[in-house]
Amino acid sequence: MWQKYIFKDKNFVKCLRENGVEDRSWNIIKLDFKETNDGWELVSPQEIIDSVISLKCDEKQIEDISWIWNFKNSEVLYLDSNNLVTLSDEIGNLKRLKKLYLYNNNLTTLPSIIWNLENLEELYLTYNDLTSLPPKIWNLKNLKVLELEWNKLTTLPKEITNLKRLKELCLAWNPSLGHISKNFIRDWKIASYKVVDADNDWINDTVLCIQCDWKNYIKLWIEE
């Protein structure tokens, strides 16, 4: 059945017109819009809309993403460097989403529904204003990369240790975070891990207490 799509955010429409989107074959395709009294109507064929797999909507001053539900088959979503203060629950409709780029926004919290995106593998949240993460983070059981540098985190939920597939955890420049204790590592049951310094050189192959001091801590790489 044909469905009518109306977009009210002109910055988003401009983004899609300039950047296009990628389909299942990773080809760039253009979406067609027509301006109406209610906004901009997406008039591309339904099969084109359903084929969208990647949306690049960065650096467009976007403030609202309630439109995102229209692209339910998306696997990659770039929303970095916008004016997002919060995310609408519609993002929860993107059940196939694997990579979500949200760095360099103004996010203070994340909607609980984001933790239901069970296929998510990479989540980029650097340069926001997050102070905490909810326990529901453990729902992201396929998460491999979690970047949280330059936020305002004061603690990490113990449930993060349930992310058994996590390969890269980035926590630099969270001055109030303190340190990750050896009990945290023990609970995570990590077989081996390394700390990377600001120059991306290995500091130590086996350390018991991983410091998250904002002065020198960059990334924790977790190995099989």
C-alpha atoms as a PDB file:
ATOM      1  CA  MET A   1       0.000   0.000   0.000  1.00  0.00           C
ATOM      2  CA  TRP A   2       1.304   3.445  -0.921  1.00  0.00           C
ATOM      3  CA  GLN A   3       2.159   5.612   2.068  1.00  0.00           C
ATOM      4  CA  LYS A   4       2.437   9.368   2.238  1.00  0.00           C
ATOM      5  CA  TYR A   5       5.631  10.806   3.722  1.00  0.00           C
ATOM      6  CA  ILE A   6       5.711  14.444   4.809  1.00  0.00           C
ATOM      7  CA  PHE A   7       8.872  16.081   6.164  1.00  0.00           C
ATOM      8  CA  LYS A   8       8.841  19.401   7.986  1.00  0.00           C
ATOM      9  CA  ASP A   9      12.574  19.774   8.628  1.00  0.00           C
ATOM     10  CA  LYS A  10      13.950  21.657   5.637  1.00  0.00           C
ATOM     11  CA  ASN A  11      17.511  20.919   6.757  1.00  0.00           C
ATOM     12  CA  PHE A  12      16.841  17.205   6.504  1.00  0.00           C
ATOM     13  CA  VAL A  13      15.267  17.536   3.064  1.00  0.00           C
ATOM     14  CA  LYS A  14      18.239  19.612   1.950  1.00  0.00           C
ATOM     15  CA  CYS A  15      20.543  16.939   3.281  1.00  0.00           C
ATOM     16  CA  LEU A  16      18.889  14.170   1.291  1.00  0.00           C
ATOM     17  CA  ARG A  17      18.822  16.274  -1.843  1.00  0.00           C
ATOM     18  CA  GLU A  18      22.514  17.128  -1.603  1.00  0.00           C
ATOM     19  CA  ASN A  19      23.940  13.872  -0.262  1.00  0.00           C
ATOM     20  CA  GLY A  20      21.489  11.311  -1.567  1.00  0.00           C
ATOM     21  CA  VAL A  21      21.184   7.953   0.184  1.00  0.00           C
ATOM     22  CA  GLU A  22      22.683   4.514  -0.330  1.00  0.00           C
ATOM     23  CA  ASP A  23      20.694   1.469  -1.346  1.00  0.00           C
ATOM     24  CA  ARG A  24      21.294  -2.208  -0.625  1.00  0.00           C
ATOM     25  CA  SER A  25      24.018  -2.299  -3.279  1.00  0.00           C
ATOM     26  CA  TRP A  26      25.641   0.779  -1.706  1.00  0.00           C
ATOM     27  CA  ASN A  27      24.837   2.867  -4.751  1.00  0.00           C
ATOM     28  CA  ILE A  28      24.052   6.547  -4.259  1.00  0.00           C
ATOM     29  CA  ILE A  29      20.449   7.315  -5.150  1.00  0.00           C
ATOM     30  CA  LYS A  30      18.528  10.572  -5.077  1.00  0.00           C
ATOM     31  CA  LEU A  31      15.158  10.968  -3.403  1.00  0.00           C
ATOM     32  CA  ASP A  32      12.493  13.173  -4.953  1.00  0.00           C
ATOM     33  CA  PHE A  33      10.469  15.713  -2.981  1.00  0.00           C
ATOM     34  CA  LYS A  34       7.760  18.201  -3.775  1.00  0.00           C
ATOM     35  CA  GLU A  35       6.898  21.167  -1.593  1.00  0.00           C
ATOM     36  CA  THR A  36       3.348  21.275  -0.180  1.00  0.00           C
ATOM     37  CA  ASN A  37       1.475  23.416   2.323  1.00  0.00           C
ATOM     38  CA  ASP A  38       2.256  20.809   5.002  1.00  0.00           C
ATOM     39  CA  GLY A  39       5.952  20.480   4.243  1.00  0.00           C
ATOM     40  CA  TRP A  40       8.006  18.470   1.785  1.00  0.00           C
ATOM     41  CA  GLU A  41       6.425  15.313   0.461  1.00  0.00           C
ATOM     42  CA  LEU A  42       8.667  12.409  -0.465  1.00  0.00           C
ATOM     43  CA  VAL A  43       7.426  11.209  -3.834  1.00  0.00           C
ATOM     44  CA  SER A  44      10.022   8.556  -4.660  1.00  0.00           C
ATOM     45  CA  PRO A  45       8.577   5.076  -5.342  1.00  0.00           C
ATOM     46  CA  GLN A  46       8.030   2.929  -2.250  1.00  0.00           C
ATOM     47  CA  GLU A  47      10.554   0.349  -3.419  1.00  0.00           C
ATOM     48  CA  ILE A  48      13.200   3.083  -3.499  1.00  0.00           C
ATOM     49  CA  ILE A  49      12.352   4.188   0.037  1.00  0.00           C
ATOM     50  CA  ASP A  50      12.452   0.597   1.284  1.00  0.00           C
ATOM     51  CA  SER A  51      15.838   0.045  -0.365  1.00  0.00           C
ATOM     52  CA  VAL A  52      17.567   2.814   1.633  1.00  0.00           C
ATOM     53  CA  ILE A  53      20.281   1.258   3.761  1.00  0.00           C
ATOM     54  CA  SER A  54      22.446   4.265   4.672  1.00  0.00           C
ATOM     55  CA  LEU A  55      21.554   7.880   5.480  1.00  0.00           C
ATOM     56  CA  LYS A  56      24.210  10.566   5.747  1.00  0.00           C
ATOM     57  CA  CYS A  57      22.650  13.528   7.549  1.00  0.00           C
ATOM     58  CA  ASP A  58      25.606  15.115   9.288  1.00  0.00           C
ATOM     59  CA  GLU A  59      26.410  18.836   9.630  1.00  0.00           C
ATOM     60  CA  LYS A  60      22.945  20.012   8.608  1.00  0.00           C
ATOM     61  CA  GLN A  61      21.727  21.703  11.842  1.00  0.00           C
ATOM     62  CA  ILE A  62      19.085  19.019  12.270  1.00  0.00           C
ATOM     63  CA  GLU A  63      17.146  19.297  15.537  1.00  0.00           C
ATOM     64  CA  ASP A  64      14.420  16.697  15.108  1.00  0.00           C
ATOM     65  CA  ILE A  65      14.579  13.137  13.785  1.00  0.00           C
ATOM     66  CA  SER A  66      10.954  12.063  14.108  1.00  0.00           C
ATOM     67  CA  TRP A  67      11.080  11.505  10.329  1.00  0.00           C
ATOM     68  CA  ILE A  68      13.520   8.636  10.731  1.00  0.00           C
ATOM     69  CA  TRP A  69      10.834   5.964  11.014  1.00  0.00           C
ATOM     70  CA  ASN A  70      10.302   6.245   7.258  1.00  0.00           C
ATOM     71  CA  PHE A  71      13.612   4.480   6.633  1.00  0.00           C
ATOM     72  CA  LYS A  72      13.021   1.347   8.690  1.00  0.00           C
ATOM     73  CA  ASN A  73      15.515  -0.764   6.708  1.00  0.00           C
ATOM     74  CA  SER A  74      18.482   1.517   7.376  1.00  0.00           C
ATOM     75  CA  GLU A  75      21.644  -0.106   8.702  1.00  0.00           C
ATOM     76  CA  VAL A  76      23.882   2.973   8.878  1.00  0.00           C
ATOM     77  CA  LEU A  77      22.807   6.397  10.128  1.00  0.00           C
ATOM     78  CA  TYR A  78      25.010   9.500  10.273  1.00  0.00           C
ATOM     79  CA  LEU A  79      23.553  12.203  12.520  1.00  0.00           C
ATOM     80  CA  ASP A  80      26.795  13.659  13.796  1.00  0.00           C
ATOM     81  CA  SER A  81      27.509  17.396  14.053  1.00  0.00           C
ATOM     82  CA  ASN A  82      23.916  18.565  14.264  1.00  0.00           C
ATOM     83  CA  ASN A  83      21.864  20.353  16.939  1.00  0.00           C
ATOM     84  CA  LEU A  84      20.276  17.329  18.567  1.00  0.00           C
ATOM     85  CA  VAL A  85      19.434  17.728  22.248  1.00  0.00           C
ATOM     86  CA  THR A  86      17.389  14.562  22.420  1.00  0.00           C
ATOM     87  CA  LEU A  87      16.337  11.709  20.138  1.00  0.00           C
ATOM     88  CA  SER A  88      12.727  10.912  19.344  1.00  0.00           C
ATOM     89  CA  ASP A  89      11.432   7.421  20.023  1.00  0.00           C
ATOM     90  CA  GLU A  90      10.960   6.849  16.299  1.00  0.00           C
ATOM     91  CA  ILE A  91      14.586   5.782  16.113  1.00  0.00           C
ATOM     92  CA  GLY A  92      13.462   2.570  17.756  1.00  0.00           C
ATOM     93  CA  ASN A  93      11.821   1.554  14.474  1.00  0.00           C
ATOM     94  CA  LEU A  94      15.220   1.035  12.872  1.00  0.00           C
ATOM     95  CA  LYS A  95      15.514  -2.566  13.988  1.00  0.00           C
ATOM     96  CA  ARG A  96      18.216  -3.333  11.408  1.00  0.00           C
ATOM     97  CA  LEU A  97      20.486  -0.470  12.413  1.00  0.00           C
ATOM     98  CA  LYS A  98      24.122  -1.518  12.847  1.00  0.00           C
ATOM     99  CA  LYS A  99      26.032   1.778  12.967  1.00  0.00           C
ATOM    100  CA  LEU A 100      24.800   4.974  14.604  1.00  0.00           C
ATOM    101  CA  TYR A 101      26.871   8.164  14.517  1.00  0.00           C
ATOM    102  CA  LEU A 102      25.732  10.787  17.046  1.00  0.00           C
ATOM    103  CA  TYR A 103      28.966  12.531  17.981  1.00  0.00           C
ATOM    104  CA  ASN A 104      29.222  16.305  18.239  1.00  0.00           C
ATOM    105  CA  ASN A 105      25.641  17.052  19.262  1.00  0.00           C
ATOM    106  CA  ASN A 106      24.133  18.333  22.519  1.00  0.00           C
ATOM    107  CA  LEU A 107      22.691  15.113  23.882  1.00  0.00           C
ATOM    108  CA  THR A 108      22.243  14.955  27.652  1.00  0.00           C
ATOM    109  CA  THR A 109      20.284  11.698  27.732  1.00  0.00           C
ATOM    110  CA  LEU A 110      19.337   8.913  25.360  1.00  0.00           C
ATOM    111  CA  PRO A 111      15.800   7.551  24.987  1.00  0.00           C
ATOM    112  CA  SER A 112      15.274   4.156  26.582  1.00  0.00           C
ATOM    113  CA  ILE A 113      14.119   2.761  23.255  1.00  0.00           C
ATOM    114  CA  ILE A 114      17.613   3.096  21.795  1.00  0.00           C
ATOM    115  CA  TRP A 115      18.718   0.251  24.021  1.00  0.00           C
ATOM    116  CA  ASN A 116      16.331  -2.046  22.144  1.00  0.00           C
ATOM    117  CA  LEU A 117      18.314  -1.773  18.894  1.00  0.00           C
ATOM    118  CA  GLU A 118      19.724  -5.246  19.354  1.00  0.00           C
ATOM    119  CA  ASN A 119      21.508  -5.353  15.994  1.00  0.00           C
ATOM    120  CA  LEU A 120      23.544  -2.241  16.777  1.00  0.00           C
ATOM    121  CA  GLU A 121      27.290  -2.917  16.464  1.00  0.00           C
ATOM    122  CA  GLU A 122      28.823   0.569  16.606  1.00  0.00           C
ATOM    123  CA  LEU A 123      27.625   3.557  18.636  1.00  0.00           C
ATOM    124  CA  TYR A 124      29.476   6.881  18.459  1.00  0.00           C
ATOM    125  CA  LEU A 125      28.596   9.431  21.153  1.00  0.00           C
ATOM    126  CA  THR A 126      31.759  11.516  21.467  1.00  0.00           C
ATOM    127  CA  TYR A 127      31.370  15.275  22.102  1.00  0.00           C
ATOM    128  CA  ASN A 128      27.993  15.317  23.844  1.00  0.00           C
ATOM    129  CA  ASP A 129      26.817  16.150  27.373  1.00  0.00           C
ATOM    130  CA  LEU A 130      25.969  12.700  28.680  1.00  0.00           C
ATOM    131  CA  THR A 131      26.372  12.250  32.447  1.00  0.00           C
ATOM    132  CA  SER A 132      25.398   8.596  32.682  1.00  0.00           C
ATOM    133  CA  LEU A 133      24.336   5.489  30.810  1.00  0.00           C
ATOM    134  CA  PRO A 134      21.337   3.403  31.886  1.00  0.00           C
ATOM    135  CA  PRO A 135      21.578  -0.257  32.931  1.00  0.00           C
ATOM    136  CA  LYS A 136      19.616  -1.167  29.802  1.00  0.00           C
ATOM    137  CA  ILE A 137      22.830  -0.771  27.845  1.00  0.00           C
ATOM    138  CA  TRP A 138      23.328  -4.510  28.250  1.00  0.00           C
ATOM    139  CA  ASN A 139      20.501  -5.000  25.713  1.00  0.00           C
ATOM    140  CA  LEU A 140      22.964  -4.021  22.973  1.00  0.00           C
ATOM    141  CA  LYS A 141      24.417  -7.508  23.022  1.00  0.00           C
ATOM    142  CA  ASN A 142      25.976  -7.174  19.546  1.00  0.00           C
ATOM    143  CA  LEU A 143      27.775  -3.905  20.316  1.00  0.00           C
ATOM    144  CA  LYS A 144      31.446  -3.929  19.304  1.00  0.00           C
ATOM    145  CA  VAL A 145      32.395  -0.232  19.437  1.00  0.00           C
ATOM    146  CA  LEU A 146      31.252   2.306  22.034  1.00  0.00           C
ATOM    147  CA  GLU A 147      32.808   5.767  21.846  1.00  0.00           C
ATOM    148  CA  LEU A 148      32.076   8.134  24.736  1.00  0.00           C
ATOM    149  CA  GLU A 149      34.982  10.583  24.778  1.00  0.00           C
ATOM    150  CA  TRP A 150      34.366  14.208  25.702  1.00  0.00           C
ATOM    151  CA  ASN A 151      31.179  13.761  27.728  1.00  0.00           C
ATOM    152  CA  LYS A 152      30.394  14.374  31.395  1.00  0.00           C
ATOM    153  CA  LEU A 153      30.216  10.794  32.625  1.00  0.00           C
ATOM    154  CA  THR A 154      30.676  10.255  36.332  1.00  0.00           C
ATOM    155  CA  THR A 155      30.255   6.495  36.405  1.00  0.00           C
ATOM    156  CA  LEU A 156      29.645   3.443  34.234  1.00  0.00           C
ATOM    157  CA  PRO A 157      26.793   1.003  34.868  1.00  0.00           C
ATOM    158  CA  LYS A 158      27.998  -2.407  35.960  1.00  0.00           C
ATOM    159  CA  GLU A 159      25.752  -3.868  33.267  1.00  0.00           C
ATOM    160  CA  ILE A 160      28.281  -2.733  30.680  1.00  0.00           C
ATOM    161  CA  THR A 161      30.277  -5.815  31.616  1.00  0.00           C
ATOM    162  CA  ASN A 162      27.566  -7.888  29.910  1.00  0.00           C
ATOM    163  CA  LEU A 163      28.626  -6.537  26.511  1.00  0.00           C
ATOM    164  CA  LYS A 164      30.692  -9.598  25.701  1.00  0.00           C
ATOM    165  CA  ARG A 165      31.311  -8.629  22.074  1.00  0.00           C
ATOM    166  CA  LEU A 166      32.663  -5.177  22.841  1.00  0.00           C
ATOM    167  CA  LYS A 167      36.042  -4.609  21.202  1.00  0.00           C
ATOM    168  CA  GLU A 168      36.611  -0.901  21.686  1.00  0.00           C
ATOM    169  CA  LEU A 169      35.529   1.297  24.584  1.00  0.00           C
ATOM    170  CA  CYS A 170      36.565   4.952  24.404  1.00  0.00           C
ATOM    171  CA  LEU A 171      36.250   7.068  27.546  1.00  0.00           C
ATOM    172  CA  ALA A 172      38.816   9.834  27.286  1.00  0.00           C
ATOM    173  CA  TRP A 173      38.069  13.349  28.511  1.00  0.00           C
ATOM    174  CA  ASN A 174      35.426  12.476  31.067  1.00  0.00           C
ATOM    175  CA  PRO A 175      37.162  14.248  33.964  1.00  0.00           C
ATOM    176  CA  SER A 176      34.731  13.051  36.642  1.00  0.00           C
ATOM    177  CA  LEU A 177      34.798   9.419  35.634  1.00  0.00           C
ATOM    178  CA  GLY A 178      37.752   8.555  37.862  1.00  0.00           C
ATOM    179  CA  HIS A 179      39.067   5.089  37.080  1.00  0.00           C
ATOM    180  CA  ILE A 180      37.884   1.628  36.163  1.00  0.00           C
ATOM    181  CA  SER A 181      38.652  -0.673  39.065  1.00  0.00           C
ATOM    182  CA  LYS A 182      40.145  -4.130  38.758  1.00  0.00           C
ATOM    183  CA  ASN A 183      36.822  -5.474  40.071  1.00  0.00           C
ATOM    184  CA  PHE A 184      35.191  -4.000  36.981  1.00  0.00           C
ATOM    185  CA  ILE A 185      37.647  -5.876  34.772  1.00  0.00           C
ATOM    186  CA  ARG A 186      37.197  -9.055  36.775  1.00  0.00           C
ATOM    187  CA  ASP A 187      33.414  -8.887  36.421  1.00  0.00           C
ATOM    188  CA  TRP A 188      33.797  -8.347  32.705  1.00  0.00           C
ATOM    189  CA  LYS A 189      35.785 -11.573  32.478  1.00  0.00           C
ATOM    190  CA  ILE A 190      38.123 -10.104  29.889  1.00  0.00           C
ATOM    191  CA  ALA A 191      40.800 -12.575  28.923  1.00  0.00           C
ATOM    192  CA  SER A 192      43.272  -9.927  27.804  1.00  0.00           C
ATOM    193  CA  TYR A 193      43.218  -6.239  27.069  1.00  0.00           C
ATOM    194  CA  LYS A 194      45.458  -3.311  26.267  1.00  0.00           C
ATOM    195  CA  VAL A 195      45.433   0.380  27.029  1.00  0.00           C
ATOM    196  CA  VAL A 196      46.217   2.843  24.271  1.00  0.00           C
ATOM    197  CA  ASP A 197      47.697   6.241  25.061  1.00  0.00           C
ATOM    198  CA  ALA A 198      47.247   9.522  23.234  1.00  0.00           C
ATOM    199  CA  ASP A 199      49.801   8.519  20.601  1.00  0.00           C
ATOM    200  CA  ASN A 200      48.100   5.183  20.001  1.00  0.00           C
ATOM    201  CA  ASP A 201      51.073   3.260  21.369  1.00  0.00           C
ATOM    202  CA  TRP A 202      50.619   0.272  23.623  1.00  0.00           C
ATOM    203  CA  ILE A 203      51.213   1.215  27.252  1.00  0.00           C
ATOM    204  CA  ASN A 204      50.959  -2.242  28.725  1.00  0.00           C
ATOM    205  CA  ASP A 205      49.722  -5.601  27.568  1.00  0.00           C
ATOM    206  CA  THR A 206      48.402  -6.685  30.936  1.00  0.00           C
ATOM    207  CA  VAL A 207      47.258  -4.185  33.531  1.00  0.00           C
ATOM    208  CA  LEU A 208      44.946  -4.768  36.470  1.00  0.00           C
ATOM    209  CA  CYS A 209      43.650  -1.260  36.908  1.00  0.00           C
ATOM    210  CA  ILE A 210      42.842   0.765  33.813  1.00  0.00           C
ATOM    211  CA  GLN A 211      43.002   4.474  34.522  1.00  0.00           C
ATOM    212  CA  CYS A 212      40.487   6.742  32.808  1.00  0.00           C
ATOM    213  CA  ASP A 213      42.317   9.883  33.791  1.00  0.00           C
ATOM    214  CA  TRP A 214      41.365  12.533  31.249  1.00  0.00           C
ATOM    215  CA  LYS A 215      44.993  13.541  30.878  1.00  0.00           C
ATOM    216  CA  ASN A 216      46.269  10.385  29.282  1.00  0.00           C
ATOM    217  CA  TYR A 217      43.566   7.786  28.754  1.00  0.00           C
ATOM    218  CA  ILE A 218      42.229   7.321  25.245  1.00  0.00           C
ATOM    219  CA  LYS A 219      40.943   3.855  24.451  1.00  0.00           C
ATOM    220  CA  LEU A 220      40.516   0.428  25.913  1.00  0.00           C
ATOM    221  CA  TRP A 221      40.856  -2.231  23.271  1.00  0.00           C
ATOM    222  CA  ILE A 222      39.462  -5.590  24.290  1.00  0.00           C
ATOM    223  CA  GLU A 223      40.922  -8.697  22.718  1.00  0.00           C
ATOM    224  CA  GLU A 224      39.523 -12.168  22.253  1.00  0.00           C
END
